[in-house]
Amino acid sequence: MVERRISDGKRIGQLLASEITGLSVGVLAALSVTGADTDATPSEAGTRAYRVAHDGDVVAGVWLYPGHAELRLTGQRGWPATVPGRRVTREGADSLRIETGAGVKQAVDALRAVLPADSG
């Protein structure tokens, strides 16, 4: 059994991108990764790595830090208050802090909660 805990911001961002692009059911099937900066490296101030689009509309951005990644909602969207890791950045963005690779699944579930209901 693997005991290693993934806590590198770049690796977490990569896992999140893989999860998003691999989804194929319901409302999540319309998600895509756009504007990816393949050279993005984590920084203390945060480095934007890519955007997340839903049916072509950008709904979030992913920022890399040395020990975590952040999924920041765009526009008027906000995370439900009950989402673990939710915070508001200095810039006023509603952000979800993802500190481990295992947290990627929770982040995707939280993203599902703020997207329009599946019409299909």
Protein backbone atom coordinates (compact mmCIF):
# COMPACT_ATOMS: atom_id res chain seq x y z
CA MET A 1 0.00 0.00 0.00
CA VAL A 2 1.30 3.47 -0.89
CA GLU A 3 1.68 5.74 2.14
CA ARG A 4 2.93 8.82 0.26
CA ARG A 5 0.84 11.96 0.62
CA ILE A 6 0.87 14.35 -2.36
CA SER A 7 1.21 17.90 -1.11
CA ASP A 8 3.08 19.64 -3.93
CA GLY A 9 0.99 22.46 -5.43
CA LYS A 10 2.02 21.73 -9.01
CA ARG A 11 1.24 18.02 -8.71
CA ILE A 12 -2.13 18.75 -7.08
CA GLY A 13 -2.94 21.14 -9.95
CA GLN A 14 -2.00 18.44 -12.46
CA LEU A 15 -4.19 15.88 -10.70
CA LEU A 16 -7.12 18.32 -10.72
CA ALA A 17 -6.66 19.00 -14.45
CA SER A 18 -6.57 15.24 -15.14
CA GLU A 19 -9.71 14.70 -13.10
CA ILE A 20 -11.55 17.53 -14.88
CA THR A 21 -10.61 16.38 -18.37
CA GLY A 22 -11.46 12.76 -17.56
CA LEU A 23 -15.05 13.41 -16.46
CA SER A 24 -17.72 12.20 -18.86
CA VAL A 25 -21.07 12.10 -17.06
CA GLY A 26 -23.66 14.67 -16.05
CA VAL A 27 -22.91 18.34 -15.61
CA LEU A 28 -19.20 17.61 -15.16
CA ALA A 29 -18.87 16.25 -18.70
CA ALA A 30 -19.07 19.86 -19.96
CA LEU A 31 -15.94 20.89 -18.02
CA SER A 32 -12.65 21.59 -19.76
CA VAL A 33 -9.22 22.98 -18.97
CA THR A 34 -8.31 26.10 -20.97
CA GLY A 35 -5.39 28.50 -21.15
CA ALA A 36 -2.98 26.08 -19.51
CA ASP A 37 0.51 27.39 -18.77
CA THR A 38 2.59 24.22 -18.91
CA ASP A 39 5.57 26.09 -17.44
CA ALA A 40 3.65 27.38 -14.39
CA THR A 41 5.55 26.79 -11.17
CA PRO A 42 4.26 27.27 -7.65
CA SER A 43 5.14 30.53 -5.91
CA GLU A 44 4.41 32.08 -2.52
CA ALA A 45 2.19 34.68 -4.23
CA GLY A 46 0.43 32.03 -6.33
CA THR A 47 0.84 31.32 -10.03
CA ARG A 48 -2.16 30.84 -12.31
CA ALA A 49 -1.79 27.51 -14.08
CA TYR A 50 -5.05 27.23 -16.05
CA ARG A 51 -8.73 28.08 -16.21
CA VAL A 52 -11.71 25.75 -15.90
CA ALA A 53 -14.55 26.23 -18.37
CA HIS A 54 -18.08 24.82 -18.35
CA ASP A 55 -19.75 24.73 -21.77
CA GLY A 56 -17.11 27.21 -22.94
CA ASP A 57 -17.66 29.75 -20.14
CA VAL A 58 -14.79 30.19 -17.68
CA VAL A 59 -16.02 29.32 -14.18
CA ALA A 60 -12.75 29.08 -12.24
CA GLY A 61 -9.01 29.44 -12.29
CA VAL A 62 -6.37 27.21 -10.69
CA TRP A 63 -3.46 28.80 -8.85
CA LEU A 64 -0.33 26.98 -7.67
CA TYR A 65 1.43 27.50 -4.34
CA PRO A 66 4.35 25.49 -2.89
CA GLY A 67 2.17 23.39 -0.56
CA HIS A 68 -1.26 23.53 -2.19
CA ALA A 69 -3.38 24.55 -5.17
CA GLU A 70 -6.36 26.88 -5.15
CA LEU A 71 -9.50 26.66 -7.23
CA ARG A 72 -10.87 30.21 -7.51
CA LEU A 73 -14.37 30.81 -8.79
CA THR A 74 -14.97 33.59 -11.30
CA GLY A 75 -17.92 35.94 -11.70
CA GLN A 76 -20.74 35.90 -9.18
CA ARG A 77 -20.32 32.28 -8.16
CA GLY A 78 -19.44 31.40 -4.59
CA TRP A 79 -18.65 28.18 -2.77
CA PRO A 80 -21.27 26.94 -0.33
CA ALA A 81 -20.25 27.92 3.21
CA THR A 82 -20.02 24.25 4.18
CA VAL A 83 -17.25 23.41 1.68
CA PRO A 84 -14.06 22.42 3.57
CA GLY A 85 -11.05 24.58 2.66
CA ARG A 86 -13.15 27.53 1.44
CA ARG A 87 -11.69 31.00 1.92
CA VAL A 88 -11.78 34.46 0.39
CA THR A 89 -8.46 35.71 -1.01
CA ARG A 90 -7.05 39.20 -0.52
CA GLU A 91 -8.25 39.95 -4.04
CA GLY A 92 -11.81 39.03 -3.04
CA ALA A 93 -11.91 35.76 -4.99
CA ASP A 94 -13.86 32.87 -3.50
CA SER A 95 -11.19 30.20 -3.28
CA LEU A 96 -11.02 26.53 -2.41
CA ARG A 97 -7.66 25.44 -0.98
CA ILE A 98 -6.61 21.93 -2.03
CA GLU A 99 -3.78 20.70 0.19
CA THR A 100 -3.45 17.06 -0.89
CA GLY A 101 -3.97 14.90 -3.93
CA ALA A 102 -6.86 13.25 -2.10
CA GLY A 103 -8.52 16.67 -1.82
CA VAL A 104 -8.97 16.80 -5.60
CA LYS A 105 -12.09 14.60 -5.45
CA GLN A 106 -13.64 16.89 -2.83
CA ALA A 107 -12.82 19.92 -4.99
CA VAL A 108 -14.57 18.34 -7.98
CA ASP A 109 -17.62 17.61 -5.82
CA ALA A 110 -17.63 21.24 -4.64
CA LEU A 111 -17.35 22.42 -8.24
CA ARG A 112 -20.35 20.27 -9.17
CA ALA A 113 -22.35 22.06 -6.46
CA VAL A 114 -21.86 25.50 -8.03
CA LEU A 115 -22.48 24.55 -11.67
CA PRO A 116 -25.90 24.80 -13.33
CA ALA A 117 -28.03 21.68 -12.85
CA ASP A 118 -27.63 18.95 -15.44
CA SER A 119 -30.32 19.44 -18.06
CA GLY A 120 -29.79 16.09 -19.72
